[in-house]
Amino acid sequence: MPTAAKLVAAIWFALLAWFAAELAKNYLPESTRYGLMTYIAGFFGLLTGWVFLGKRAGDTMAAAYSYGFSSSVILTFWSVFYFAFETMIHRSLDKRYRGPTEALMSMVDLMREYIMYVLKPDVLFILIVGGFFGGWLTEKAARKWA
């Protein structure tokens, strides 16, 4: 059921993911084609805010900060997972792998490589502080429009 808290969480985490993806682009190799990277990350932020954080609103403020931080972690995981999976699919279509096991092992390596772009100080700072603020904002929305 749609609530104000879900809407606030979805919008905030979509913006947070969009901004974090824009910051992460500064660390990617110059030959990288970004494509829809920012919008896909924003979509994962929207889903995380709506599905995970929005339905947990209405608890204590300490729980809200915790859920906000957890939302940032979830958003980061699914974004990195998606981009590693997409790269693995493109490489497998180019016949770079001998089988599905090698492709999946390569995907784990790609996730490890991609998470290093997120672990830069400015990107990490934005995700952590933005997660805490998103939890606070969602909790305030849940209390005001409950």
C-alpha atoms as a PDB file:
ATOM      1  CA  MET A   1       0.000   0.000   0.000  1.00  0.00           C
ATOM      2  CA  PRO A   2       1.438   3.411  -0.929  1.00  0.00           C
ATOM      3  CA  THR A   3       2.367   5.659   1.962  1.00  0.00           C
ATOM      4  CA  ALA A   4       4.095   9.004   2.264  1.00  0.00           C
ATOM      5  CA  ALA A   5       7.089   7.321   3.913  1.00  0.00           C
ATOM      6  CA  LYS A   6       7.514   4.958   0.960  1.00  0.00           C
ATOM      7  CA  LEU A   7       7.313   7.845  -1.481  1.00  0.00           C
ATOM      8  CA  VAL A   8       9.829   9.950   0.441  1.00  0.00           C
ATOM      9  CA  ALA A   9      12.211   7.004   0.817  1.00  0.00           C
ATOM     10  CA  ALA A  10      11.918   6.083  -2.856  1.00  0.00           C
ATOM     11  CA  ILE A  11      12.585   9.617  -4.065  1.00  0.00           C
ATOM     12  CA  TRP A  12      15.459  10.208  -1.650  1.00  0.00           C
ATOM     13  CA  PHE A  13      17.259   6.959  -2.415  1.00  0.00           C
ATOM     14  CA  ALA A  14      16.759   7.372  -6.159  1.00  0.00           C
ATOM     15  CA  LEU A  15      18.462  10.773  -5.902  1.00  0.00           C
ATOM     16  CA  LEU A  16      21.156   9.377  -3.624  1.00  0.00           C
ATOM     17  CA  ALA A  17      21.928   6.525  -6.008  1.00  0.00           C
ATOM     18  CA  TRP A  18      21.936   8.874  -8.989  1.00  0.00           C
ATOM     19  CA  PHE A  19      24.384  11.216  -7.271  1.00  0.00           C
ATOM     20  CA  ALA A  20      26.640   8.389  -6.037  1.00  0.00           C
ATOM     21  CA  ALA A  21      26.764   6.905  -9.551  1.00  0.00           C
ATOM     22  CA  GLU A  22      27.753  10.291 -10.952  1.00  0.00           C
ATOM     23  CA  LEU A  23      30.555  10.503  -8.387  1.00  0.00           C
ATOM     24  CA  ALA A  24      31.711   6.951  -9.118  1.00  0.00           C
ATOM     25  CA  LYS A  25      32.043   7.788 -12.821  1.00  0.00           C
ATOM     26  CA  ASN A  26      35.081   9.912 -11.935  1.00  0.00           C
ATOM     27  CA  TYR A  27      36.973   6.778 -10.903  1.00  0.00           C
ATOM     28  CA  LEU A  28      36.050   4.500 -13.810  1.00  0.00           C
ATOM     29  CA  PRO A  29      38.624   3.982 -16.577  1.00  0.00           C
ATOM     30  CA  GLU A  30      38.490   6.573 -19.352  1.00  0.00           C
ATOM     31  CA  SER A  31      37.409   4.041 -21.960  1.00  0.00           C
ATOM     32  CA  THR A  32      34.272   3.110 -19.989  1.00  0.00           C
ATOM     33  CA  ARG A  33      30.939   3.609 -21.726  1.00  0.00           C
ATOM     34  CA  TYR A  34      28.491   4.683 -19.064  1.00  0.00           C
ATOM     35  CA  GLY A  35      25.271   4.177 -20.981  1.00  0.00           C
ATOM     36  CA  LEU A  36      22.330   4.238 -18.575  1.00  0.00           C
ATOM     37  CA  MET A  37      24.450   3.617 -15.483  1.00  0.00           C
ATOM     38  CA  THR A  38      23.163   6.616 -13.548  1.00  0.00           C
ATOM     39  CA  TYR A  39      19.523   5.866 -14.315  1.00  0.00           C
ATOM     40  CA  ILE A  40      19.847   2.180 -13.494  1.00  0.00           C
ATOM     41  CA  ALA A  41      21.470   3.006 -10.152  1.00  0.00           C
ATOM     42  CA  GLY A  42      18.673   5.504  -9.535  1.00  0.00           C
ATOM     43  CA  PHE A  43      16.110   2.809 -10.276  1.00  0.00           C
ATOM     44  CA  PHE A  44      17.735   0.513  -7.708  1.00  0.00           C
ATOM     45  CA  GLY A  45      17.635   3.395  -5.230  1.00  0.00           C
ATOM     46  CA  LEU A  46      13.955   3.914  -5.943  1.00  0.00           C
ATOM     47  CA  LEU A  47      13.199   0.232  -5.381  1.00  0.00           C
ATOM     48  CA  THR A  48      15.296   0.059  -2.222  1.00  0.00           C
ATOM     49  CA  GLY A  49      13.616   3.107  -0.742  1.00  0.00           C
ATOM     50  CA  TRP A  50      10.111   1.918  -1.578  1.00  0.00           C
ATOM     51  CA  VAL A  51      10.424  -1.788  -0.806  1.00  0.00           C
ATOM     52  CA  PHE A  52      12.935  -1.899   2.044  1.00  0.00           C
ATOM     53  CA  LEU A  53      13.007   1.389   3.911  1.00  0.00           C
ATOM     54  CA  GLY A  54       9.512   2.718   3.281  1.00  0.00           C
ATOM     55  CA  LYS A  55       7.711  -0.220   4.820  1.00  0.00           C
ATOM     56  CA  ARG A  56       9.915  -0.155   7.921  1.00  0.00           C
ATOM     57  CA  ALA A  57       9.143   3.471   8.761  1.00  0.00           C
ATOM     58  CA  GLY A  58       7.276   4.210  11.958  1.00  0.00           C
ATOM     59  CA  ASP A  59       9.744   2.661  14.389  1.00  0.00           C
ATOM     60  CA  THR A  60      12.223   4.448  16.659  1.00  0.00           C
ATOM     61  CA  MET A  61      14.644   7.071  15.356  1.00  0.00           C
ATOM     62  CA  ALA A  62      17.603   4.775  16.087  1.00  0.00           C
ATOM     63  CA  ALA A  63      15.991   2.088  13.967  1.00  0.00           C
ATOM     64  CA  ALA A  64      15.391   4.644  11.214  1.00  0.00           C
ATOM     65  CA  TYR A  65      19.121   5.477  11.055  1.00  0.00           C
ATOM     66  CA  SER A  66      19.926   1.784  10.980  1.00  0.00           C
ATOM     67  CA  TYR A  67      17.417   1.110   8.204  1.00  0.00           C
ATOM     68  CA  GLY A  68      18.729   4.084   6.244  1.00  0.00           C
ATOM     69  CA  PHE A  69      22.292   2.822   6.450  1.00  0.00           C
ATOM     70  CA  SER A  70      21.140  -0.682   5.544  1.00  0.00           C
ATOM     71  CA  SER A  71      19.302   0.756   2.553  1.00  0.00           C
ATOM     72  CA  SER A  72      22.535   2.310   1.302  1.00  0.00           C
ATOM     73  CA  VAL A  73      24.291  -1.032   1.636  1.00  0.00           C
ATOM     74  CA  ILE A  74      21.467  -2.855  -0.158  1.00  0.00           C
ATOM     75  CA  LEU A  75      21.383  -0.257  -2.907  1.00  0.00           C
ATOM     76  CA  THR A  76      25.136  -0.541  -3.402  1.00  0.00           C
ATOM     77  CA  PHE A  77      25.064  -4.336  -3.477  1.00  0.00           C
ATOM     78  CA  TRP A  78      22.291  -4.583  -6.066  1.00  0.00           C
ATOM     79  CA  SER A  79      23.818  -1.897  -8.261  1.00  0.00           C
ATOM     80  CA  VAL A  80      27.239  -3.556  -8.226  1.00  0.00           C
ATOM     81  CA  PHE A  81      25.636  -6.960  -8.775  1.00  0.00           C
ATOM     82  CA  TYR A  82      23.652  -5.705 -11.764  1.00  0.00           C
ATOM     83  CA  PHE A  83      26.610  -4.009 -13.461  1.00  0.00           C
ATOM     84  CA  ALA A  84      28.838  -7.045 -12.927  1.00  0.00           C
ATOM     85  CA  PHE A  85      26.107  -9.319 -14.281  1.00  0.00           C
ATOM     86  CA  GLU A  86      25.603  -7.096 -17.318  1.00  0.00           C
ATOM     87  CA  THR A  87      29.340  -7.040 -18.049  1.00  0.00           C
ATOM     88  CA  MET A  88      29.520 -10.812 -17.639  1.00  0.00           C
ATOM     89  CA  ILE A  89      26.646 -11.277 -20.104  1.00  0.00           C
ATOM     90  CA  HIS A  90      28.335  -9.030 -22.679  1.00  0.00           C
ATOM     91  CA  ARG A  91      31.603 -10.897 -22.276  1.00  0.00           C
ATOM     92  CA  SER A  92      29.901 -14.274 -22.515  1.00  0.00           C
ATOM     93  CA  LEU A  93      28.214 -13.216 -25.749  1.00  0.00           C
ATOM     94  CA  ASP A  94      31.698 -12.413 -27.053  1.00  0.00           C
ATOM     95  CA  LYS A  95      32.660 -16.023 -26.146  1.00  0.00           C
ATOM     96  CA  ARG A  96      35.246 -15.026 -23.535  1.00  0.00           C
ATOM     97  CA  TYR A  97      34.300 -17.842 -21.176  1.00  0.00           C
ATOM     98  CA  ARG A  98      34.550 -21.612 -21.603  1.00  0.00           C
ATOM     99  CA  GLY A  99      31.457 -22.319 -19.546  1.00  0.00           C
ATOM    100  CA  PRO A 100      28.893 -20.995 -17.107  1.00  0.00           C
ATOM    101  CA  THR A 101      31.075 -21.683 -14.066  1.00  0.00           C
ATOM    102  CA  GLU A 102      33.896 -19.572 -15.414  1.00  0.00           C
ATOM    103  CA  ALA A 103      31.412 -16.819 -16.281  1.00  0.00           C
ATOM    104  CA  LEU A 104      29.966 -16.782 -12.746  1.00  0.00           C
ATOM    105  CA  MET A 105      33.435 -16.784 -11.206  1.00  0.00           C
ATOM    106  CA  SER A 106      34.311 -13.864 -13.438  1.00  0.00           C
ATOM    107  CA  MET A 107      31.187 -12.058 -12.271  1.00  0.00           C
ATOM    108  CA  VAL A 108      32.346 -12.325  -8.658  1.00  0.00           C
ATOM    109  CA  ASP A 109      35.702 -10.861  -9.703  1.00  0.00           C
ATOM    110  CA  LEU A 110      33.888  -8.071 -11.527  1.00  0.00           C
ATOM    111  CA  MET A 111      31.852  -7.330  -8.403  1.00  0.00           C
ATOM    112  CA  ARG A 112      35.079  -7.126  -6.408  1.00  0.00           C
ATOM    113  CA  GLU A 113      36.516  -4.758  -9.008  1.00  0.00           C
ATOM    114  CA  TYR A 114      33.394  -2.575  -9.172  1.00  0.00           C
ATOM    115  CA  ILE A 115      33.007  -2.287  -5.410  1.00  0.00           C
ATOM    116  CA  MET A 116      36.444  -0.665  -5.332  1.00  0.00           C
ATOM    117  CA  TYR A 117      34.998   2.252  -7.304  1.00  0.00           C
ATOM    118  CA  VAL A 118      32.359   2.691  -4.616  1.00  0.00           C
ATOM    119  CA  LEU A 119      34.878   2.519  -1.768  1.00  0.00           C
ATOM    120  CA  LYS A 120      36.414   5.871  -2.696  1.00  0.00           C
ATOM    121  CA  PRO A 121      36.126   8.421   0.136  1.00  0.00           C
ATOM    122  CA  ASP A 122      33.670  10.830  -1.500  1.00  0.00           C
ATOM    123  CA  VAL A 123      31.337   8.130  -2.838  1.00  0.00           C
ATOM    124  CA  LEU A 124      31.416   6.230   0.443  1.00  0.00           C
ATOM    125  CA  PHE A 125      30.786   9.419   2.426  1.00  0.00           C
ATOM    126  CA  ILE A 126      27.771  10.321   0.293  1.00  0.00           C
ATOM    127  CA  LEU A 127      26.297   6.824   0.622  1.00  0.00           C
ATOM    128  CA  ILE A 128      26.763   6.640   4.393  1.00  0.00           C
ATOM    129  CA  VAL A 129      25.619  10.148   5.268  1.00  0.00           C
ATOM    130  CA  GLY A 130      22.856   9.997   2.650  1.00  0.00           C
ATOM    131  CA  GLY A 131      21.674   6.679   4.088  1.00  0.00           C
ATOM    132  CA  PHE A 132      21.456   8.061   7.609  1.00  0.00           C
ATOM    133  CA  PHE A 133      19.713  11.205   6.356  1.00  0.00           C
ATOM    134  CA  GLY A 134      17.320   9.118   4.252  1.00  0.00           C
ATOM    135  CA  GLY A 135      16.394   7.054   7.296  1.00  0.00           C
ATOM    136  CA  TRP A 136      15.778  10.214   9.320  1.00  0.00           C
ATOM    137  CA  LEU A 137      13.780  11.842   6.511  1.00  0.00           C
ATOM    138  CA  THR A 138      11.632   8.764   5.996  1.00  0.00           C
ATOM    139  CA  GLU A 139      10.922   8.475   9.704  1.00  0.00           C
ATOM    140  CA  LYS A 140       9.931  12.140   9.872  1.00  0.00           C
ATOM    141  CA  ALA A 141       7.590  11.643   6.900  1.00  0.00           C
ATOM    142  CA  ALA A 142       6.043   8.574   8.524  1.00  0.00           C
ATOM    143  CA  ARG A 143       5.394  10.477  11.756  1.00  0.00           C
ATOM    144  CA  LYS A 144       4.001  13.548  10.035  1.00  0.00           C
ATOM    145  CA  TRP A 145       1.712  11.813   7.525  1.00  0.00           C
ATOM    146  CA  ALA A 146       0.792   8.647   9.410  1.00  0.00           C
END
